[in-house]
Every structure is written in structure tokens, then in C-alpha cells.
PDB file of N, CA and C in Angstrom:
ATOM      1  N   MET A   1      93.341 100.649  80.638  1.00  0.00           N
ATOM      2  CA  MET A   1      94.595 100.337  81.303  1.00  0.00           C
ATOM      3  C   MET A   1      94.874 101.387  82.386  1.00  0.00           C
ATOM      4  N   MET A   2      95.321 100.905  83.537  1.00  0.00           N
ATOM      5  CA  MET A   2      95.704 101.770  84.650  1.00  0.00           C
ATOM      6  C   MET A   2      97.179 101.556  84.930  1.00  0.00           C
ATOM      7  N   HIS A   3      97.839 102.584  85.442  1.00  0.00           N
ATOM      8  CA  HIS A   3      99.211 102.469  85.918  1.00  0.00           C
ATOM      9  C   HIS A   3      99.133 102.459  87.438  1.00  0.00           C
ATOM     10  N   LEU A   4      99.377 101.302  88.026  1.00  0.00           N
ATOM     11  CA  LEU A   4      99.279 101.127  89.472  1.00  0.00           C
ATOM     12  C   LEU A   4     100.679 101.089  90.052  1.00  0.00           C
ATOM     13  N   ARG A   5     100.887 101.827  91.139  1.00  0.00           N
ATOM     14  CA  ARG A   5     102.197 101.824  91.785  1.00  0.00           C
ATOM     15  C   ARG A   5     102.015 101.811  93.296  1.00  0.00           C
ATOM     16  N   GLU A   6     103.049 101.364  93.989  1.00  0.00           N
ATOM     17  CA  GLU A   6     103.051 101.444  95.440  1.00  0.00           C
ATOM     18  C   GLU A   6     103.141 102.912  95.820  1.00  0.00           C
ATOM     19  N   ALA A   7     102.452 103.318  96.866  1.00  0.00           N
ATOM     20  CA  ALA A   7     102.373 104.735  97.218  1.00  0.00           C
ATOM     21  C   ALA A   7     103.738 105.366  97.453  1.00  0.00           C
ATOM     22  N   SER A   8     104.688 104.629  97.993  1.00  0.00           N
ATOM     23  CA  SER A   8     106.000 105.209  98.284  1.00  0.00           C
ATOM     24  C   SER A   8     107.012 104.961  97.178  1.00  0.00           C
ATOM     25  N   CYS A   9     106.551 104.426  96.069  1.00  0.00           N
ATOM     26  CA  CYS A   9     107.472 104.036  95.003  1.00  0.00           C
ATOM     27  C   CYS A   9     106.995 104.620  93.680  1.00  0.00           C
ATOM     28  N   GLY A  10     107.592 105.704  93.255  1.00  0.00           N
ATOM     29  CA  GLY A  10     107.155 106.343  92.026  1.00  0.00           C
ATOM     30  C   GLY A  10     107.813 105.828  90.772  1.00  0.00           C
ATOM     31  N   TYR A  11     108.814 104.975  90.901  1.00  0.00           N
ATOM     32  CA  TYR A  11     109.569 104.600  89.717  1.00  0.00           C
ATOM     33  C   TYR A  11     109.166 103.277  89.104  1.00  0.00           C
ATOM     34  N   TYR A  12     108.280 102.500  89.705  1.00  0.00           N
ATOM     35  CA  TYR A  12     107.838 101.259  89.085  1.00  0.00           C
ATOM     36  C   TYR A  12     106.325 101.229  89.042  1.00  0.00           C
ATOM     37  N   ARG A  13     105.795 101.031  87.882  1.00  0.00           N
ATOM     38  CA  ARG A  13     104.346 101.013  87.705  1.00  0.00           C
ATOM     39  C   ARG A  13     103.930  99.683  87.095  1.00  0.00           C
ATOM     40  N   TRP A  14     102.850  99.155  87.610  1.00  0.00           N
ATOM     41  CA  TRP A  14     102.263  97.928  87.080  1.00  0.00           C
ATOM     42  C   TRP A  14     101.127  98.317  86.151  1.00  0.00           C
ATOM     43  N   ILE A  15     101.070  97.716  85.001  1.00  0.00           N
ATOM     44  CA  ILE A  15      99.968  97.970  84.083  1.00  0.00           C
ATOM     45  C   ILE A  15      98.861  96.980  84.416  1.00  0.00           C
ATOM     46  N   VAL A  16      97.706  97.524  84.776  1.00  0.00           N
ATOM     47  CA  VAL A  16      96.555  96.725  85.184  1.00  0.00           C
ATOM     48  C   VAL A  16      95.360  97.167  84.367  1.00  0.00           C
ATOM     49  N   ASN A  17      94.657  96.213  83.805  1.00  0.00           N
ATOM     50  CA  ASN A  17      93.461  96.510  83.034  1.00  0.00           C
ATOM     51  C   ASN A  17      92.293  96.756  83.990  1.00  0.00           C
ATOM     52  N   ALA A  18      91.554  97.804  83.773  1.00  0.00           N
ATOM     53  CA  ALA A  18      90.386  98.125  84.597  1.00  0.00           C
ATOM     54  C   ALA A  18      89.122  97.931  83.770  1.00  0.00           C
ATOM     55  N   ILE A  19      88.103  97.358  84.399  1.00  0.00           N
ATOM     56  CA  ILE A  19      86.802  97.219  83.749  1.00  0.00           C
ATOM     57  C   ILE A  19      85.770  97.916  84.624  1.00  0.00           C
ATOM     58  N   TYR A  20      84.697  98.360  84.001  1.00  0.00           N
ATOM     59  CA  TYR A  20      83.645  99.092  84.704  1.00  0.00           C
ATOM     60  C   TYR A  20      82.327  98.371  84.511  1.00  0.00           C
ATOM     61  N   ASP A  21      81.514  98.340  85.581  1.00  0.00           N
ATOM     62  CA  ASP A  21      80.195  97.729  85.459  1.00  0.00           C
ATOM     63  C   ASP A  21      79.167  98.793  85.065  1.00  0.00           C
ATOM     64  N   ALA A  22      77.905  98.395  84.980  1.00  0.00           N
ATOM     65  CA  ALA A  22      76.841  99.308  84.543  1.00  0.00           C
ATOM     66  C   ALA A  22      76.634 100.475  85.509  1.00  0.00           C
ATOM     67  N   CYS A  23      77.037 100.298  86.776  1.00  0.00           N
ATOM     68  CA  CYS A  23      76.893 101.361  87.773  1.00  0.00           C
ATOM     69  C   CYS A  23      78.109 102.271  87.844  1.00  0.00           C
ATOM     70  N   GLY A  24      79.121 102.002  87.008  1.00  0.00           N
ATOM     71  CA  GLY A  24      80.317 102.827  86.984  1.00  0.00           C
ATOM     72  C   GLY A  24      81.388 102.413  87.980  1.00  0.00           C
ATOM     73  N   LYS A  25      81.203 101.267  88.650  1.00  0.00           N
ATOM     74  CA  LYS A  25      82.216 100.785  89.589  1.00  0.00           C
ATOM     75  C   LYS A  25      83.376 100.183  88.807  1.00  0.00           C
ATOM     76  N   MET A  26      84.583 100.479  89.278  1.00  0.00           N
ATOM     77  CA  MET A  26      85.776 100.003  88.595  1.00  0.00           C
ATOM     78  C   MET A  26      86.301  98.743  89.283  1.00  0.00           C
ATOM     79  N   TYR A  27      86.734  97.795  88.460  1.00  0.00           N
ATOM     80  CA  TYR A  27      87.337  96.558  88.955  1.00  0.00           C
ATOM     81  C   TYR A  27      88.673  96.371  88.255  1.00  0.00           C
ATOM     82  N   LEU A  28      89.700  96.014  89.036  1.00  0.00           N
ATOM     83  CA  LEU A  28      91.008  95.739  88.452  1.00  0.00           C
ATOM     84  C   LEU A  28      90.994  94.316  87.939  1.00  0.00           C
ATOM     85  N   ASN A  29      91.449  94.123  86.715  1.00  0.00           N
ATOM     86  CA  ASN A  29      91.316  92.844  86.041  1.00  0.00           C
ATOM     87  C   ASN A  29      92.694  92.310  85.660  1.00  0.00           C
ATOM     88  N   ILE A  30      92.982  92.194  84.402  1.00  0.00           N
ATOM     89  CA  ILE A  30      94.231  91.616  83.921  1.00  0.00           C
ATOM     90  C   ILE A  30      95.415  92.424  84.460  1.00  0.00           C
ATOM     91  N   GLY A  31      96.361  91.757  85.064  1.00  0.00           N
ATOM     92  CA  GLY A  31      97.528  92.392  85.652  1.00  0.00           C
ATOM     93  C   GLY A  31      97.435  92.498  87.162  1.00  0.00           C
ATOM     94  N   TRP A  32      96.209  92.538  87.706  1.00  0.00           N
ATOM     95  CA  TRP A  32      96.029  92.656  89.146  1.00  0.00           C
ATOM     96  C   TRP A  32      96.559  91.426  89.883  1.00  0.00           C
ATOM     97  N   GLU A  33      96.290  90.235  89.357  1.00  0.00           N
ATOM     98  CA  GLU A  33      96.740  89.006  90.021  1.00  0.00           C
ATOM     99  C   GLU A  33      98.265  88.977  90.139  1.00  0.00           C
ATOM    100  N   LYS A  34      98.955  89.419  89.107  1.00  0.00           N
ATOM    101  CA  LYS A  34     100.417  89.457  89.133  1.00  0.00           C
ATOM    102  C   LYS A  34     100.903  90.443  90.206  1.00  0.00           C
ATOM    103  N   PHE A  35     100.269  91.620  90.284  1.00  0.00           N
ATOM    104  CA  PHE A  35     100.605  92.605  91.316  1.00  0.00           C
ATOM    105  C   PHE A  35     100.380  92.010  92.702  1.00  0.00           C
ATOM    106  N   ALA A  36      99.221  91.396  92.903  1.00  0.00           N
ATOM    107  CA  ALA A  36      98.869  90.820  94.212  1.00  0.00           C
ATOM    108  C   ALA A  36      99.840  89.709  94.610  1.00  0.00           C
ATOM    109  N   ARG A  37     100.188  88.867  93.677  1.00  0.00           N
ATOM    110  CA  ARG A  37     101.121  87.775  93.957  1.00  0.00           C
ATOM    111  C   ARG A  37     102.515  88.322  94.284  1.00  0.00           C
ATOM    112  N   HIS A  38     102.984  89.296  93.522  1.00  0.00           N
ATOM    113  CA  HIS A  38     104.305  89.884  93.747  1.00  0.00           C
ATOM    114  C   HIS A  38     104.407  90.527  95.135  1.00  0.00           C
ATOM    115  N   HIS A  39     103.308  91.109  95.610  1.00  0.00           N
ATOM    116  CA  HIS A  39     103.296  91.801  96.895  1.00  0.00           C
ATOM    117  C   HIS A  39     102.778  90.923  98.034  1.00  0.00           C
ATOM    118  N   SER A  40     102.565  89.644  97.754  1.00  0.00           N
ATOM    119  CA  SER A  40     102.127  88.665  98.767  1.00  0.00           C
ATOM    120  C   SER A  40     100.875  89.132  99.505  1.00  0.00           C
ATOM    121  N   LEU A  41      99.911  89.673  98.756  1.00  0.00           N
ATOM    122  CA  LEU A  41      98.665  90.126  99.371  1.00  0.00           C
ATOM    123  C   LEU A  41      97.885  88.929  99.886  1.00  0.00           C
ATOM    124  N   GLU A  42      97.290  89.090 101.057  1.00  0.00           N
ATOM    125  CA  GLU A  42      96.538  88.017 101.693  1.00  0.00           C
ATOM    126  C   GLU A  42      95.185  88.526 102.165  1.00  0.00           C
ATOM    127  N   THR A  43      94.280  87.584 102.417  1.00  0.00           N
ATOM    128  CA  THR A  43      92.985  87.926 102.991  1.00  0.00           C
ATOM    129  C   THR A  43      93.217  88.617 104.331  1.00  0.00           C
ATOM    130  N   GLY A  44      92.506  89.689 104.573  1.00  0.00           N
ATOM    131  CA  GLY A  44      92.653  90.454 105.804  1.00  0.00           C
ATOM    132  C   GLY A  44      93.497  91.705 105.634  1.00  0.00           C
ATOM    133  N   PHE A  45      94.228  91.809 104.536  1.00  0.00           N
ATOM    134  CA  PHE A  45      94.992  93.021 104.265  1.00  0.00           C
ATOM    135  C   PHE A  45      94.023  94.132 103.866  1.00  0.00           C
ATOM    136  N   ILE A  46      94.401  95.360 104.163  1.00  0.00           N
ATOM    137  CA  ILE A  46      93.616  96.533 103.783  1.00  0.00           C
ATOM    138  C   ILE A  46      94.406  97.277 102.716  1.00  0.00           C
ATOM    139  N   LEU A  47      93.728  97.624 101.636  1.00  0.00           N
ATOM    140  CA  LEU A  47      94.362  98.355 100.546  1.00  0.00           C
ATOM    141  C   LEU A  47      93.701  99.715 100.416  1.00  0.00           C
ATOM    142  N   LEU A  48      94.502 100.742 100.372  1.00  0.00           N
ATOM    143  CA  LEU A  48      94.009 102.111 100.218  1.00  0.00           C
ATOM    144  C   LEU A  48      94.484 102.637  98.874  1.00  0.00           C
ATOM    145  N   PHE A  49      93.539 102.843  97.963  1.00  0.00           N
ATOM    146  CA  PHE A  49      93.851 103.297  96.611  1.00  0.00           C
ATOM    147  C   PHE A  49      93.662 104.801  96.506  1.00  0.00           C
ATOM    148  N   SER A  50      94.534 105.443  95.751  1.00  0.00           N
ATOM    149  CA  SER A  50      94.399 106.856  95.414  1.00  0.00           C
ATOM    150  C   SER A  50      94.467 106.975  93.900  1.00  0.00           C
ATOM    151  N   TYR A  51      93.490 107.671  93.319  1.00  0.00           N
ATOM    152  CA  TYR A  51      93.446 107.864  91.875  1.00  0.00           C
ATOM    153  C   TYR A  51      93.831 109.300  91.572  1.00  0.00           C
ATOM    154  N   PHE A  52      94.812 109.488  90.699  1.00  0.00           N
ATOM    155  CA  PHE A  52      95.330 110.811  90.386  1.00  0.00           C
ATOM    156  C   PHE A  52      94.887 111.310  89.023  1.00  0.00           C
ATOM    157  N   GLY A  53      94.049 110.548  88.347  1.00  0.00           N
ATOM    158  CA  GLY A  53      93.642 110.919  87.002  1.00  0.00           C
ATOM    159  C   GLY A  53      94.636 110.420  85.982  1.00  0.00           C
ATOM    160  N   ASP A  54      94.263 110.537  84.730  1.00  0.00           N
ATOM    161  CA  ASP A  54      95.124 110.130  83.620  1.00  0.00           C
ATOM    162  C   ASP A  54      95.652 108.708  83.804  1.00  0.00           C
ATOM    163  N   ARG A  55      94.797 107.823  84.308  1.00  0.00           N
ATOM    164  CA  ARG A  55      95.087 106.398  84.485  1.00  0.00           C
ATOM    165  C   ARG A  55      96.205 106.116  85.478  1.00  0.00           C
ATOM    166  N   ASP A  56      96.465 107.023  86.406  1.00  0.00           N
ATOM    167  CA  ASP A  56      97.535 106.878  87.389  1.00  0.00           C
ATOM    168  C   ASP A  56      96.925 106.629  88.762  1.00  0.00           C
ATOM    169  N   MET A  57      97.313 105.512  89.393  1.00  0.00           N
ATOM    170  CA  MET A  57      96.738 105.120  90.670  1.00  0.00           C
ATOM    171  C   MET A  57      97.843 104.577  91.576  1.00  0.00           C
ATOM    172  N   SER A  58      97.745 104.880  92.876  1.00  0.00           N
ATOM    173  CA  SER A  58      98.692 104.309  93.830  1.00  0.00           C
ATOM    174  C   SER A  58      97.919 103.493  94.861  1.00  0.00           C
ATOM    175  N   VAL A  59      98.636 102.609  95.547  1.00  0.00           N
ATOM    176  CA  VAL A  59      98.016 101.768  96.569  1.00  0.00           C
ATOM    177  C   VAL A  59      98.948 101.670  97.768  1.00  0.00           C
ATOM    178  N   LYS A  60      98.370 101.812  98.958  1.00  0.00           N
ATOM    179  CA  LYS A  60      99.067 101.556 100.216  1.00  0.00           C
ATOM    180  C   LYS A  60      98.532 100.226 100.735  1.00  0.00           C
ATOM    181  N   VAL A  61      99.425  99.387 101.235  1.00  0.00           N
ATOM    182  CA  VAL A  61      99.042  98.062 101.718  1.00  0.00           C
ATOM    183  C   VAL A  61      99.263  98.006 103.221  1.00  0.00           C
ATOM    184  N   PHE A  62      98.231  97.565 103.936  1.00  0.00           N
ATOM    185  CA  PHE A  62      98.300  97.364 105.384  1.00  0.00           C
ATOM    186  C   PHE A  62      98.016  95.893 105.663  1.00  0.00           C
ATOM    187  N   ASP A  63      98.833  95.283 106.529  1.00  0.00           N
ATOM    188  CA  ASP A  63      98.643  93.860 106.808  1.00  0.00           C
ATOM    189  C   ASP A  63      97.513  93.638 107.808  1.00  0.00           C
ATOM    190  N   GLU A  64      97.347  92.390 108.249  1.00  0.00           N
ATOM    191  CA  GLU A  64      96.221  92.051 109.132  1.00  0.00           C
ATOM    192  C   GLU A  64      96.323  92.699 110.505  1.00  0.00           C
ATOM    193  N   THR A  65      97.494  93.244 110.864  1.00  0.00           N
ATOM    194  CA  THR A  65      97.647  93.966 112.130  1.00  0.00           C
ATOM    195  C   THR A  65      97.463  95.469 111.928  1.00  0.00           C
ATOM    196  N   SER A  66      97.098  95.869 110.723  1.00  0.00           N
ATOM    197  CA  SER A  66      96.904  97.270 110.318  1.00  0.00           C
ATOM    198  C   SER A  66      98.208  98.053 110.217  1.00  0.00           C
ATOM    199  N   CYS A  67      99.332  97.352 110.154  1.00  0.00           N
ATOM    200  CA  CYS A  67     100.620  98.004 109.944  1.00  0.00           C
ATOM    201  C   CYS A  67     100.881  98.127 108.449  1.00  0.00           C
ATOM    202  N   ARG A  68     101.402  99.270 108.064  1.00  0.00           N
ATOM    203  CA  ARG A  68     101.673  99.492 106.643  1.00  0.00           C
ATOM    204  C   ARG A  68     102.866  98.663 106.200  1.00  0.00           C
ATOM    205  N   ARG A  69     102.722  98.046 105.067  1.00  0.00           N
ATOM    206  CA  ARG A  69     103.808  97.270 104.476  1.00  0.00           C
ATOM    207  C   ARG A  69     104.503  98.147 103.443  1.00  0.00           C
ATOM    208  N   ASP A  70     105.775  98.398 103.651  1.00  0.00           N
ATOM    209  CA  ASP A  70     106.573  99.167 102.697  1.00  0.00           C
ATOM    210  C   ASP A  70     107.445  98.191 101.939  1.00  0.00           C
ATOM    211  N   TYR A  71     107.326  98.198 100.638  1.00  0.00           N
ATOM    212  CA  TYR A  71     108.085  97.294  99.806  1.00  0.00           C
ATOM    213  C   TYR A  71     109.368  97.935  99.288  1.00  0.00           C
ATOM    214  N   HIS A  72     109.434  99.254  99.338  1.00  0.00           N
ATOM    215  CA  HIS A  72     110.619  99.997  98.937  1.00  0.00           C
ATOM    216  C   HIS A  72     110.889 101.047 100.002  1.00  0.00           C
ATOM    217  N   ASN A  73     112.139 101.420 100.134  1.00  0.00           N
ATOM    218  CA  ASN A  73     112.522 102.438 101.095  1.00  0.00           C
ATOM    219  C   ASN A  73     112.249 103.814 100.503  1.00  0.00           C
ATOM    220  N   ASP A  74     111.412 104.618 101.165  1.00  0.00           N
ATOM    221  CA  ASP A  74     111.090 105.967 100.678  1.00  0.00           C
ATOM    222  C   ASP A  74     112.350 106.795 100.440  1.00  0.00           C
ATOM    223  N   ARG A  75     113.341 106.660 101.311  1.00  0.00           N
ATOM    224  CA  ARG A  75     114.546 107.468 101.180  1.00  0.00           C
ATOM    225  C   ARG A  75     115.319 107.121  99.920  1.00  0.00           C
ATOM    226  N   ASP A  76     115.264 105.868  99.472  1.00  0.00           N
ATOM    227  CA  ASP A  76     115.961 105.490  98.246  1.00  0.00           C
ATOM    228  C   ASP A  76     115.414 106.255  97.054  1.00  0.00           C
ATOM    229  N   TYR A  77     114.110 106.505  97.045  1.00  0.00           N
ATOM    230  CA  TYR A  77     113.489 107.180  95.917  1.00  0.00           C
ATOM    231  C   TYR A  77     113.584 108.704  96.031  1.00  0.00           C
ATOM    232  N   HIS A  78     113.349 109.237  97.230  1.00  0.00           N
ATOM    233  CA  HIS A  78     113.261 110.681  97.406  1.00  0.00           C
ATOM    234  C   HIS A  78     114.592 111.344  97.751  1.00  0.00           C
ATOM    235  N   GLY A  79     115.629 110.537  98.026  1.00  0.00           N
ATOM    236  CA  GLY A  79     116.915 111.121  98.363  1.00  0.00           C
ATOM    237  C   GLY A  79     116.915 111.788  99.716  1.00  0.00           C
ATOM    238  N   ASP A  80     116.098 111.343 100.647  1.00  0.00           N
ATOM    239  CA  ASP A  80     115.996 111.914 101.984  1.00  0.00           C
ATOM    240  C   ASP A  80     117.235 111.542 102.789  1.00  0.00           C
ATOM    241  N   ASN A  81     117.882 112.514 103.400  1.00  0.00           N
ATOM    242  CA  ASN A  81     119.074 112.263 104.212  1.00  0.00           C
ATOM    243  C   ASN A  81     118.814 112.571 105.669  1.00  0.00           C
ATOM    244  N   THR A  82     117.634 112.303 106.184  1.00  0.00           N
ATOM    245  CA  THR A  82     117.279 112.682 107.551  1.00  0.00           C
ATOM    246  C   THR A  82     118.051 111.897 108.591  1.00  0.00           C
ATOM    247  N   ASP A  83     118.649 110.760 108.229  1.00  0.00           N
ATOM    248  CA  ASP A  83     119.418 109.986 109.191  1.00  0.00           C
ATOM    249  C   ASP A  83     120.819 110.545 109.390  1.00  0.00           C
ATOM    250  N   GLU A  84     121.253 111.415 108.488  1.00  0.00           N
ATOM    251  CA  GLU A  84     122.585 111.981 108.578  1.00  0.00           C
ATOM    252  C   GLU A  84     122.559 113.195 109.497  1.00  0.00           C
ATOM    253  N   GLU A  85     123.637 113.366 110.263  1.00  0.00           N
ATOM    254  CA  GLU A  85     123.732 114.527 111.138  1.00  0.00           C
ATOM    255  C   GLU A  85     124.083 115.764 110.334  1.00  0.00           C
ATOM    256  N   GLU A  86     123.545 116.895 110.745  1.00  0.00           N
ATOM    257  CA  GLU A  86     123.875 118.141 110.071  1.00  0.00           C
ATOM    258  C   GLU A  86     125.169 118.695 110.628  1.00  0.00           C
ATOM    259  N   ASP A  87     125.968 119.365 109.793  1.00  0.00           N
ATOM    260  CA  ASP A  87     127.234 119.977 110.233  1.00  0.00           C
ATOM    261  C   ASP A  87     126.995 121.308 110.864  1.00  0.00           C
TER     262      ASP A  87
END
């Protein structure tokens, strides 16, 4: 089992079953289809995975124009107030 999350979203993790072939390549299995459907992944999208160990993995999604798709606002999670003026 892997914990997959969107790269900019640390508070929601999808549980995805991973399987390995004889060469040690990992494939995402049960749970991946639900993640893909929820994020409207399409042919031509580019996915960049980062593995952090201990079954923790993040993914960045880029659409067919190579623009990153953000499903959550980074500032909502990190509490960034960069849009506010300083006193």
C-alpha cells in the first residue's frame, strides 16, 4: 500500500496498492483508477512522482499544454499570506 497525495496538498492521501514485477518496477494498482478519475487525468498529461520512503508518494499533474494543474490552493494548506500587504 502507498499513500499518494497531490504535491501541494499534504492533508489528503489516497491509498493505492502498488505491485512490483520481477525487475523491481513498481505499478500502481487498486486505488489508482479512483485517483485518476477524481483528478480527471487524460491521455497526454504528464505525471511527476516523488517517493519519500515509508510508502509516502506525491504526484504533480501537468496537462497536455504542460501547465501544472493545481487541485488545491497551496496557501490554504501552508497559511501563506503573501497577497496581504505588510504594515
